[in-house]
Amino acid sequence: MESEKLIQTLIEQTRQNMNAVENLKELDTGYLNSRLSENSWSILECIEHLNLYGDFYLPALEKNIQKSTTIPSSDFNTGFLGNYFANSMLPKPGSKMKTFKDKDPIYTDLNRAVIDNFINQQIKLLKLIELSRSKNLNSIRIPISITTLIKLKLGDTFRFLINHNIRHIHQIETIKSHLPQVLTHQI
């Protein structure tokens, strides 16, 4: 895959994710904190989950991009693990994943600041993607959140993180499509 084409795709996907979350600002805080069932996440908990991942990946991305002296390659070749992890994050009907305890925000007292934090993280992510234009997406390696022993190529790390955002924004859309029914029954 052409590196520039990947970068353009990552930028567009990030902007779509930002817009989807930006539109949530119009919703009532009570609605944003409502859940479909006792053990499901609310909309704000979904966003906070993404913020927790951003708290890990954004500094790691920035550090490794800034310290790199690589020159750009015209092609990006996904790694086996990186491609697997990135593709596993895409939303699929009926696919659920267990999250790690330190990334699980359930029953956390959250407010609208969660949305602003996400938007700010996405602005930072866009800047890092732009910075990566002058680097080699194949050579820079980023540790994953569950172990620093496994490192993914920069391009795969971007794909993983953005696909993870897409997955949970899809989850938010599902919550929104069912919440009015749940709220009606709670009255």
N, C-alpha and C. Protein backbone atom coordinates (compact mmCIF):
# COMPACT_ATOMS: atom_id res chain seq x y z
N MET A 1 0.85 -1.17 0.00
CA MET A 1 0.00 0.00 0.00
C MET A 1 0.90 1.23 0.00
N GLU A 2 0.49 2.24 -0.73
CA GLU A 2 1.24 3.49 -0.74
C GLU A 2 1.14 4.17 0.63
N SER A 3 2.27 4.62 1.14
CA SER A 3 2.29 5.29 2.45
C SER A 3 1.38 6.51 2.45
N GLU A 4 1.43 7.30 1.39
CA GLU A 4 0.61 8.52 1.33
C GLU A 4 -0.88 8.19 1.33
N LYS A 5 -1.24 7.13 0.63
CA LYS A 5 -2.65 6.72 0.61
C LYS A 5 -3.10 6.30 2.01
N LEU A 6 -2.24 5.55 2.72
CA LEU A 6 -2.57 5.16 4.09
C LEU A 6 -2.74 6.40 4.96
N ILE A 7 -1.82 7.35 4.86
CA ILE A 7 -1.90 8.57 5.68
C ILE A 7 -3.20 9.32 5.39
N GLN A 8 -3.56 9.45 4.13
CA GLN A 8 -4.82 10.14 3.78
C GLN A 8 -6.02 9.41 4.37
N THR A 9 -6.01 8.09 4.32
CA THR A 9 -7.11 7.29 4.89
C THR A 9 -7.19 7.49 6.40
N LEU A 10 -6.04 7.47 7.07
CA LEU A 10 -6.00 7.65 8.53
C LEU A 10 -6.53 9.03 8.92
N ILE A 11 -6.16 10.04 8.16
CA ILE A 11 -6.63 11.40 8.44
C ILE A 11 -8.15 11.48 8.27
N GLU A 12 -8.65 10.93 7.18
CA GLU A 12 -10.09 10.97 6.93
C GLU A 12 -10.87 10.21 8.01
N GLN A 13 -10.39 9.05 8.38
CA GLN A 13 -11.07 8.26 9.42
C GLN A 13 -11.06 9.00 10.76
N THR A 14 -9.95 9.64 11.08
CA THR A 14 -9.85 10.39 12.34
C THR A 14 -10.81 11.57 12.33
N ARG A 15 -10.90 12.25 11.22
CA ARG A 15 -11.85 13.38 11.13
C ARG A 15 -13.30 12.90 11.27
N GLN A 16 -13.62 11.76 10.67
CA GLN A 16 -14.97 11.19 10.81
C GLN A 16 -15.25 10.84 12.27
N ASN A 17 -14.26 10.26 12.94
CA ASN A 17 -14.43 9.92 14.36
C ASN A 17 -14.65 11.18 15.20
N MET A 18 -13.86 12.21 14.91
CA MET A 18 -14.01 13.48 15.64
C MET A 18 -15.41 14.07 15.44
N ASN A 19 -15.87 14.08 14.20
CA ASN A 19 -17.19 14.64 13.90
C ASN A 19 -18.29 13.87 14.61
N ALA A 20 -18.18 12.54 14.62
CA ALA A 20 -19.21 11.72 15.28
C ALA A 20 -19.28 12.05 16.76
N VAL A 21 -18.13 12.20 17.39
CA VAL A 21 -18.12 12.50 18.83
C VAL A 21 -18.49 13.96 19.09
N GLU A 22 -18.08 14.85 18.22
CA GLU A 22 -18.45 16.26 18.35
C GLU A 22 -19.97 16.41 18.36
N ASN A 23 -20.66 15.63 17.55
CA ASN A 23 -22.12 15.70 17.48
C ASN A 23 -22.79 15.25 18.78
N LEU A 24 -22.07 14.52 19.61
CA LEU A 24 -22.62 14.07 20.88
C LEU A 24 -22.78 15.22 21.87
N LYS A 25 -22.09 16.33 21.63
CA LYS A 25 -22.18 17.48 22.52
C LYS A 25 -23.60 18.03 22.60
N GLU A 26 -24.40 17.74 21.58
CA GLU A 26 -25.78 18.23 21.55
C GLU A 26 -26.70 17.44 22.50
N LEU A 27 -26.24 16.29 22.96
CA LEU A 27 -27.08 15.42 23.77
C LEU A 27 -26.97 15.75 25.25
N ASP A 28 -28.03 15.49 25.97
CA ASP A 28 -28.12 15.71 27.41
C ASP A 28 -27.13 14.80 28.16
N THR A 29 -26.53 15.31 29.22
CA THR A 29 -25.56 14.54 30.00
C THR A 29 -26.19 13.28 30.59
N GLY A 30 -27.43 13.37 31.03
CA GLY A 30 -28.12 12.19 31.56
C GLY A 30 -28.25 11.11 30.50
N TYR A 31 -28.57 11.51 29.30
CA TYR A 31 -28.68 10.58 28.18
C TYR A 31 -27.32 9.95 27.90
N LEU A 32 -26.27 10.77 27.89
CA LEU A 32 -24.91 10.29 27.60
C LEU A 32 -24.42 9.31 28.67
N ASN A 33 -24.98 9.38 29.87
CA ASN A 33 -24.59 8.48 30.95
C ASN A 33 -25.54 7.29 31.10
N SER A 34 -26.58 7.22 30.27
CA SER A 34 -27.53 6.10 30.34
C SER A 34 -26.91 4.86 29.73
N ARG A 35 -27.34 3.71 30.21
CA ARG A 35 -26.83 2.44 29.69
C ARG A 35 -27.98 1.55 29.29
N LEU A 36 -27.72 0.64 28.36
CA LEU A 36 -28.76 -0.27 27.88
C LEU A 36 -29.07 -1.36 28.88
N SER A 37 -28.08 -1.74 29.68
CA SER A 37 -28.28 -2.74 30.72
C SER A 37 -27.32 -2.43 31.86
N GLU A 38 -27.47 -3.13 32.95
CA GLU A 38 -26.68 -2.86 34.14
C GLU A 38 -25.17 -2.97 33.88
N ASN A 39 -24.78 -3.91 33.04
CA ASN A 39 -23.36 -4.14 32.81
C ASN A 39 -22.84 -3.64 31.47
N SER A 40 -23.63 -2.82 30.78
CA SER A 40 -23.16 -2.26 29.50
C SER A 40 -22.62 -0.86 29.73
N TRP A 41 -21.79 -0.40 28.81
CA TRP A 41 -21.23 0.93 28.92
C TRP A 41 -22.22 1.97 28.43
N SER A 42 -22.12 3.14 29.02
CA SER A 42 -22.85 4.31 28.51
C SER A 42 -22.03 4.91 27.37
N ILE A 43 -22.60 5.90 26.72
CA ILE A 43 -21.89 6.60 25.64
C ILE A 43 -20.61 7.24 26.18
N LEU A 44 -20.71 7.92 27.33
CA LEU A 44 -19.51 8.56 27.89
C LEU A 44 -18.47 7.53 28.32
N GLU A 45 -18.91 6.38 28.78
CA GLU A 45 -17.94 5.33 29.15
C GLU A 45 -17.22 4.79 27.91
N CYS A 46 -17.92 4.68 26.79
CA CYS A 46 -17.26 4.28 25.53
C CYS A 46 -16.17 5.29 25.16
N ILE A 47 -16.50 6.56 25.28
CA ILE A 47 -15.53 7.60 24.92
C ILE A 47 -14.36 7.60 25.90
N GLU A 48 -14.66 7.44 27.18
CA GLU A 48 -13.59 7.40 28.18
C GLU A 48 -12.66 6.22 27.94
N HIS A 49 -13.21 5.09 27.52
CA HIS A 49 -12.40 3.93 27.17
C HIS A 49 -11.41 4.31 26.06
N LEU A 50 -11.88 5.03 25.06
CA LEU A 50 -11.00 5.49 23.98
C LEU A 50 -9.94 6.46 24.50
N ASN A 51 -10.34 7.32 25.43
CA ASN A 51 -9.39 8.27 26.01
C ASN A 51 -8.28 7.54 26.77
N LEU A 52 -8.64 6.46 27.47
CA LEU A 52 -7.64 5.70 28.22
C LEU A 52 -6.61 5.09 27.26
N TYR A 53 -7.06 4.62 26.11
CA TYR A 53 -6.12 4.11 25.11
C TYR A 53 -5.29 5.25 24.52
N GLY A 54 -5.93 6.39 24.27
CA GLY A 54 -5.20 7.55 23.78
C GLY A 54 -4.13 8.00 24.76
N ASP A 55 -4.43 7.92 26.06
CA ASP A 55 -3.45 8.29 27.09
C ASP A 55 -2.19 7.44 26.99
N PHE A 56 -2.33 6.20 26.56
CA PHE A 56 -1.16 5.33 26.39
C PHE A 56 -0.48 5.56 25.03
N TYR A 57 -1.27 5.49 23.96
CA TYR A 57 -0.67 5.48 22.62
C TYR A 57 -0.15 6.83 22.14
N LEU A 58 -0.83 7.91 22.45
CA LEU A 58 -0.39 9.20 21.92
C LEU A 58 1.01 9.59 22.39
N PRO A 59 1.34 9.47 23.68
CA PRO A 59 2.72 9.77 24.09
C PRO A 59 3.73 8.81 23.47
N ALA A 60 3.38 7.54 23.34
CA ALA A 60 4.30 6.56 22.73
C ALA A 60 4.53 6.90 21.26
N LEU A 61 3.47 7.26 20.56
CA LEU A 61 3.60 7.65 19.17
C LEU A 61 4.48 8.89 19.03
N GLU A 62 4.17 9.90 19.84
CA GLU A 62 4.92 11.16 19.76
C GLU A 62 6.41 10.93 20.04
N LYS A 63 6.71 10.21 21.09
CA LYS A 63 8.11 9.95 21.47
C LYS A 63 8.86 9.26 20.34
N ASN A 64 8.27 8.22 19.78
CA ASN A 64 8.96 7.43 18.77
C ASN A 64 9.04 8.14 17.42
N ILE A 65 8.05 8.93 17.10
CA ILE A 65 8.10 9.71 15.85
C ILE A 65 9.17 10.79 15.97
N GLN A 66 9.19 11.48 17.09
CA GLN A 66 10.14 12.59 17.27
C GLN A 66 11.59 12.11 17.31
N LYS A 67 11.83 10.97 17.91
CA LYS A 67 13.22 10.51 18.03
C LYS A 67 13.72 9.80 16.76
N SER A 68 12.82 9.49 15.85
CA SER A 68 13.19 8.76 14.64
C SER A 68 13.94 9.64 13.65
N THR A 69 14.97 9.06 13.06
CA THR A 69 15.72 9.74 12.01
C THR A 69 15.51 9.05 10.66
N THR A 70 14.47 8.24 10.57
CA THR A 70 14.20 7.51 9.33
C THR A 70 13.74 8.47 8.24
N ILE A 71 13.88 8.01 7.01
CA ILE A 71 13.35 8.77 5.89
C ILE A 71 12.12 8.04 5.36
N PRO A 72 11.17 8.76 4.80
CA PRO A 72 9.92 8.12 4.38
C PRO A 72 10.14 7.05 3.30
N SER A 73 9.28 6.08 3.34
CA SER A 73 9.24 5.05 2.29
C SER A 73 7.95 5.27 1.51
N SER A 74 8.00 5.08 0.21
CA SER A 74 6.79 5.29 -0.60
C SER A 74 5.73 4.22 -0.33
N ASP A 75 6.16 3.06 0.17
CA ASP A 75 5.21 1.97 0.43
C ASP A 75 5.19 1.59 1.89
N PHE A 76 4.00 1.24 2.37
CA PHE A 76 3.85 0.69 3.71
C PHE A 76 3.45 -0.77 3.57
N ASN A 77 4.18 -1.63 4.26
CA ASN A 77 3.90 -3.06 4.27
C ASN A 77 3.47 -3.45 5.67
N THR A 78 2.21 -3.77 5.83
CA THR A 78 1.70 -4.13 7.14
C THR A 78 2.42 -5.36 7.68
N GLY A 79 2.60 -5.40 8.99
CA GLY A 79 3.19 -6.57 9.63
C GLY A 79 2.11 -7.60 9.93
N PHE A 80 2.50 -8.84 10.13
CA PHE A 80 1.53 -9.90 10.41
C PHE A 80 0.71 -9.59 11.66
N LEU A 81 1.38 -9.33 12.79
CA LEU A 81 0.66 -9.03 14.03
C LEU A 81 -0.08 -7.71 13.94
N GLY A 82 0.57 -6.72 13.36
CA GLY A 82 -0.06 -5.40 13.24
C GLY A 82 -1.34 -5.45 12.43
N ASN A 83 -1.29 -6.17 11.33
CA ASN A 83 -2.48 -6.31 10.49
C ASN A 83 -3.58 -7.07 11.23
N TYR A 84 -3.18 -8.11 11.94
CA TYR A 84 -4.15 -8.89 12.72
C TYR A 84 -4.83 -8.00 13.78
N PHE A 85 -4.02 -7.29 14.57
CA PHE A 85 -4.57 -6.44 15.62
C PHE A 85 -5.45 -5.33 15.03
N ALA A 86 -4.98 -4.69 13.97
CA ALA A 86 -5.75 -3.59 13.36
C ALA A 86 -7.08 -4.10 12.83
N ASN A 87 -7.08 -5.21 12.12
CA ASN A 87 -8.32 -5.75 11.56
C ASN A 87 -9.25 -6.29 12.64
N SER A 88 -8.69 -6.80 13.72
CA SER A 88 -9.53 -7.34 14.80
C SER A 88 -10.32 -6.24 15.51
N MET A 89 -9.90 -4.99 15.35
CA MET A 89 -10.58 -3.88 16.00
C MET A 89 -11.81 -3.40 15.23
N LEU A 90 -11.88 -3.70 13.96
CA LEU A 90 -13.02 -3.23 13.17
C LEU A 90 -14.31 -3.84 13.68
N PRO A 91 -15.41 -3.06 13.68
CA PRO A 91 -16.68 -3.59 14.18
C PRO A 91 -17.20 -4.71 13.29
N LYS A 92 -17.63 -5.78 13.94
CA LYS A 92 -18.25 -6.91 13.25
C LYS A 92 -19.52 -7.27 14.01
N PRO A 93 -20.59 -7.60 13.31
CA PRO A 93 -21.83 -7.94 14.00
C PRO A 93 -21.62 -9.06 15.03
N GLY A 94 -22.07 -8.79 16.24
CA GLY A 94 -22.03 -9.81 17.29
C GLY A 94 -20.67 -10.06 17.91
N SER A 95 -19.64 -9.31 17.48
CA SER A 95 -18.31 -9.56 18.06
C SER A 95 -18.10 -8.69 19.29
N LYS A 96 -17.87 -9.34 20.40
CA LYS A 96 -17.59 -8.63 21.65
C LYS A 96 -16.19 -8.99 22.09
N MET A 97 -15.54 -8.04 22.73
CA MET A 97 -14.20 -8.27 23.27
C MET A 97 -14.19 -7.86 24.72
N LYS A 98 -13.47 -8.59 25.51
CA LYS A 98 -13.28 -8.23 26.91
C LYS A 98 -12.16 -7.20 26.97
N THR A 99 -12.38 -6.14 27.72
CA THR A 99 -11.34 -5.11 27.85
C THR A 99 -10.52 -5.36 29.11
N PHE A 100 -9.33 -4.83 29.12
CA PHE A 100 -8.49 -4.94 30.29
C PHE A 100 -9.02 -4.03 31.39
N LYS A 101 -8.86 -4.46 32.63
CA LYS A 101 -9.43 -3.76 33.78
C LYS A 101 -9.01 -2.28 33.83
N ASP A 102 -7.75 -2.00 33.50
CA ASP A 102 -7.28 -0.62 33.57
C ASP A 102 -7.83 0.26 32.45
N LYS A 103 -8.52 -0.35 31.49
CA LYS A 103 -9.12 0.40 30.38
C LYS A 103 -10.65 0.32 30.42
N ASP A 104 -11.18 -0.21 31.53
CA ASP A 104 -12.63 -0.37 31.67
C ASP A 104 -13.20 0.75 32.55
N PRO A 105 -13.95 1.69 31.96
CA PRO A 105 -14.45 2.83 32.72
C PRO A 105 -15.84 2.63 33.34
N ILE A 106 -16.37 1.41 33.33
CA ILE A 106 -17.75 1.20 33.79
C ILE A 106 -17.93 1.72 35.22
N TYR A 107 -19.04 2.36 35.43
CA TYR A 107 -19.44 2.95 36.71
C TYR A 107 -18.53 4.09 37.17
N THR A 108 -17.86 4.72 36.22
CA THR A 108 -17.05 5.90 36.53
C THR A 108 -17.96 7.12 36.41
N ASP A 109 -17.78 8.08 37.31
CA ASP A 109 -18.56 9.31 37.26
C ASP A 109 -17.98 10.20 36.16
N LEU A 110 -18.71 10.32 35.06
CA LEU A 110 -18.19 11.04 33.90
C LEU A 110 -19.08 12.22 33.52
N ASN A 111 -18.46 13.22 32.92
CA ASN A 111 -19.21 14.37 32.43
C ASN A 111 -18.76 14.70 31.01
N ARG A 112 -19.24 15.81 30.49
CA ARG A 112 -18.98 16.20 29.11
C ARG A 112 -17.50 16.45 28.81
N ALA A 113 -16.68 16.63 29.84
CA ALA A 113 -15.25 16.84 29.63
C ALA A 113 -14.62 15.66 28.91
N VAL A 114 -15.23 14.49 29.03
CA VAL A 114 -14.76 13.29 28.35
C VAL A 114 -14.77 13.52 26.83
N ILE A 115 -15.81 14.19 26.35
CA ILE A 115 -15.93 14.47 24.91
C ILE A 115 -14.82 15.43 24.48
N ASP A 116 -14.61 16.49 25.26
CA ASP A 116 -13.55 17.46 24.93
C ASP A 116 -12.18 16.80 24.93
N ASN A 117 -11.95 15.92 25.89
CA ASN A 117 -10.68 15.20 25.97
C ASN A 117 -10.47 14.37 24.70
N PHE A 118 -11.51 13.67 24.26
CA PHE A 118 -11.41 12.87 23.05
C PHE A 118 -11.08 13.74 21.84
N ILE A 119 -11.79 14.85 21.70
CA ILE A 119 -11.56 15.75 20.56
C ILE A 119 -10.11 16.25 20.59
N ASN A 120 -9.62 16.64 21.76
CA ASN A 120 -8.24 17.11 21.87
C ASN A 120 -7.25 16.00 21.53
N GLN A 121 -7.55 14.78 21.94
CA GLN A 121 -6.67 13.66 21.58
C GLN A 121 -6.65 13.43 20.07
N GLN A 122 -7.80 13.59 19.43
CA GLN A 122 -7.85 13.38 17.98
C GLN A 122 -7.10 14.47 17.22
N ILE A 123 -7.14 15.69 17.75
CA ILE A 123 -6.35 16.78 17.16
C ILE A 123 -4.86 16.44 17.25
N LYS A 124 -4.46 15.93 18.40
CA LYS A 124 -3.07 15.49 18.60
C LYS A 124 -2.74 14.35 17.65
N LEU A 125 -3.65 13.40 17.51
CA LEU A 125 -3.44 12.27 16.60
C LEU A 125 -3.25 12.75 15.16
N LEU A 126 -4.07 13.71 14.73
CA LEU A 126 -3.93 14.26 13.38
C LEU A 126 -2.55 14.89 13.18
N LYS A 127 -2.06 15.59 14.19
CA LYS A 127 -0.73 16.20 14.11
C LYS A 127 0.35 15.12 13.99
N LEU A 128 0.19 14.04 14.74
CA LEU A 128 1.17 12.95 14.69
C LEU A 128 1.14 12.24 13.34
N ILE A 129 -0.05 12.07 12.79
CA ILE A 129 -0.15 11.46 11.45
C ILE A 129 0.55 12.36 10.44
N GLU A 130 0.33 13.66 10.54
CA GLU A 130 1.00 14.61 9.64
C GLU A 130 2.52 14.53 9.80
N LEU A 131 3.00 14.46 11.05
CA LEU A 131 4.44 14.35 11.29
C LEU A 131 5.01 13.08 10.68
N SER A 132 4.21 12.04 10.64
CA SER A 132 4.68 10.75 10.14
C SER A 132 4.93 10.76 8.63
N ARG A 133 4.44 11.77 7.94
CA ARG A 133 4.71 11.89 6.49
C ARG A 133 6.21 11.92 6.21
N SER A 134 6.96 12.48 7.14
CA SER A 134 8.40 12.62 6.93
C SER A 134 9.20 11.48 7.57
N LYS A 135 8.50 10.42 7.95
CA LYS A 135 9.14 9.27 8.61
C LYS A 135 8.81 8.00 7.85
N ASN A 136 9.47 6.92 8.22
CA ASN A 136 9.22 5.62 7.61
C ASN A 136 8.19 4.86 8.45
N LEU A 137 7.02 4.66 7.91
CA LEU A 137 5.93 3.97 8.63
C LEU A 137 6.25 2.51 8.92
N ASN A 138 7.23 1.97 8.21
CA ASN A 138 7.63 0.57 8.40
C ASN A 138 8.68 0.40 9.50
N SER A 139 9.53 1.39 9.67
CA SER A 139 10.71 1.25 10.54
C SER A 139 10.45 1.60 12.00
N ILE A 140 9.62 2.59 12.25
CA ILE A 140 9.36 3.03 13.62
C ILE A 140 8.45 2.00 14.28
N ARG A 141 8.81 1.59 15.48
CA ARG A 141 8.05 0.57 16.22
C ARG A 141 7.48 1.17 17.49
N ILE A 142 6.20 0.82 17.76
CA ILE A 142 5.48 1.34 18.93
C ILE A 142 5.06 0.16 19.79
N PRO A 143 5.37 0.19 21.11
CA PRO A 143 4.92 -0.91 21.98
C PRO A 143 3.40 -0.90 22.13
N ILE A 144 2.83 -2.08 22.30
CA ILE A 144 1.38 -2.16 22.50
C ILE A 144 1.07 -1.98 23.98
N SER A 145 -0.18 -1.71 24.29
CA SER A 145 -0.56 -1.36 25.66
C SER A 145 -0.50 -2.53 26.64
N ILE A 146 -0.60 -3.76 26.16
CA ILE A 146 -0.61 -4.89 27.10
C ILE A 146 0.77 -5.42 27.43
N THR A 147 1.76 -5.12 26.59
CA THR A 147 3.14 -5.52 26.87
C THR A 147 4.09 -4.72 25.99
N THR A 148 5.17 -4.27 26.57
CA THR A 148 6.16 -3.53 25.79
C THR A 148 7.06 -4.48 25.00
N LEU A 149 6.88 -5.78 25.19
CA LEU A 149 7.68 -6.76 24.47
C LEU A 149 7.25 -6.86 23.00
N ILE A 150 6.00 -6.53 22.71
CA ILE A 150 5.50 -6.56 21.34
C ILE A 150 5.42 -5.12 20.84
N LYS A 151 6.03 -4.89 19.69
CA LYS A 151 6.00 -3.56 19.08
C LYS A 151 5.47 -3.70 17.66
N LEU A 152 4.59 -2.78 17.30
CA LEU A 152 4.00 -2.77 15.96
C LEU A 152 4.62 -1.64 15.14
N LYS A 153 4.60 -1.83 13.83
CA LYS A 153 5.04 -0.77 12.94
C LYS A 153 4.17 0.47 13.16
N LEU A 154 4.75 1.63 12.93
CA LEU A 154 4.02 2.88 13.11
C LEU A 154 2.70 2.89 12.34
N GLY A 155 2.74 2.49 11.08
CA GLY A 155 1.52 2.47 10.26
C GLY A 155 0.47 1.55 10.84
N ASP A 156 0.87 0.39 11.34
CA ASP A 156 -0.07 -0.55 11.95
C ASP A 156 -0.62 -0.02 13.28
N THR A 157 0.22 0.69 14.02
CA THR A 157 -0.24 1.26 15.30
C THR A 157 -1.32 2.31 15.04
N PHE A 158 -1.10 3.16 14.04
CA PHE A 158 -2.13 4.14 13.67
C PHE A 158 -3.42 3.40 13.27
N ARG A 159 -3.29 2.37 12.44
CA ARG A 159 -4.46 1.62 11.98
C ARG A 159 -5.19 0.99 13.17
N PHE A 160 -4.45 0.38 14.09
CA PHE A 160 -5.04 -0.24 15.27
C PHE A 160 -5.82 0.79 16.09
N LEU A 161 -5.16 1.90 16.41
CA LEU A 161 -5.78 2.91 17.27
C LEU A 161 -7.03 3.51 16.62
N ILE A 162 -6.95 3.83 15.35
CA ILE A 162 -8.09 4.44 14.67
C ILE A 162 -9.21 3.43 14.46
N ASN A 163 -8.88 2.18 14.14
CA ASN A 163 -9.91 1.14 14.03
C ASN A 163 -10.58 0.89 15.37
N HIS A 164 -9.82 0.99 16.44
CA HIS A 164 -10.39 0.84 17.79
C HIS A 164 -11.39 1.98 18.05
N ASN A 165 -11.05 3.18 17.63
CA ASN A 165 -11.98 4.31 17.76
C ASN A 165 -13.24 4.05 16.94
N ILE A 166 -13.06 3.58 15.70
CA ILE A 166 -14.20 3.28 14.83
C ILE A 166 -15.11 2.25 15.49
N ARG A 167 -14.51 1.22 16.08
CA ARG A 167 -15.27 0.15 16.73
C ARG A 167 -16.20 0.72 17.82
N HIS A 168 -15.64 1.58 18.66
CA HIS A 168 -16.44 2.08 19.78
C HIS A 168 -17.38 3.21 19.38
N ILE A 169 -17.09 3.92 18.32
CA ILE A 169 -18.05 4.89 17.81
C ILE A 169 -19.23 4.14 17.20
N HIS A 170 -18.97 3.02 16.58
CA HIS A 170 -20.04 2.15 16.10
C HIS A 170 -20.87 1.66 17.29
N GLN A 171 -20.21 1.31 18.38
CA GLN A 171 -20.92 0.88 19.59
C GLN A 171 -21.81 2.03 20.11
N ILE A 172 -21.30 3.25 20.07
CA ILE A 172 -22.08 4.41 20.51
C ILE A 172 -23.32 4.57 19.63
N GLU A 173 -23.17 4.40 18.33
CA GLU A 173 -24.32 4.50 17.42
C GLU A 173 -25.36 3.43 17.75
N THR A 174 -24.90 2.24 18.10
CA THR A 174 -25.82 1.17 18.49
C THR A 174 -26.55 1.54 19.78
N ILE A 175 -25.82 2.08 20.73
CA ILE A 175 -26.43 2.52 22.00
C ILE A 175 -27.50 3.58 21.71
N LYS A 176 -27.13 4.57 20.88
CA LYS A 176 -28.08 5.64 20.56
C LYS A 176 -29.33 5.10 19.88
N SER A 177 -29.17 4.08 19.05
CA SER A 177 -30.34 3.54 18.33
C SER A 177 -31.27 2.77 19.26
N HIS A 178 -30.77 2.32 20.41
CA HIS A 178 -31.59 1.57 21.35
C HIS A 178 -32.00 2.36 22.60
N LEU A 179 -31.25 3.41 22.91
CA LEU A 179 -31.52 4.15 24.15
C LEU A 179 -32.92 4.77 24.22
N PRO A 180 -33.43 5.39 23.19
CA PRO A 180 -34.77 5.97 23.33
C PRO A 180 -35.80 4.94 23.77
N GLN A 181 -35.68 3.70 23.28
CA GLN A 181 -36.60 2.64 23.68
C GLN A 181 -36.42 2.32 25.15
N VAL A 182 -35.17 2.22 25.60
CA VAL A 182 -34.88 1.91 27.00
C VAL A 182 -35.40 3.03 27.89
N LEU A 183 -35.12 4.27 27.53
CA LEU A 183 -35.56 5.40 28.33
C LEU A 183 -37.08 5.49 28.40
N THR A 184 -37.77 5.14 27.32
CA THR A 184 -39.22 5.14 27.30
C THR A 184 -39.77 4.14 28.32
N HIS A 185 -39.10 2.99 28.37
CA HIS A 185 -39.57 1.95 29.30
C HIS A 185 -39.24 2.26 30.75
N GLN A 186 -38.30 3.15 31.00
CA GLN A 186 -37.93 3.50 32.36
C GLN A 186 -38.86 4.55 32.96
N ILE A 187 -39.66 5.20 32.16
CA ILE A 187 -40.54 6.28 32.64
C ILE A 187 -41.67 5.72 33.47
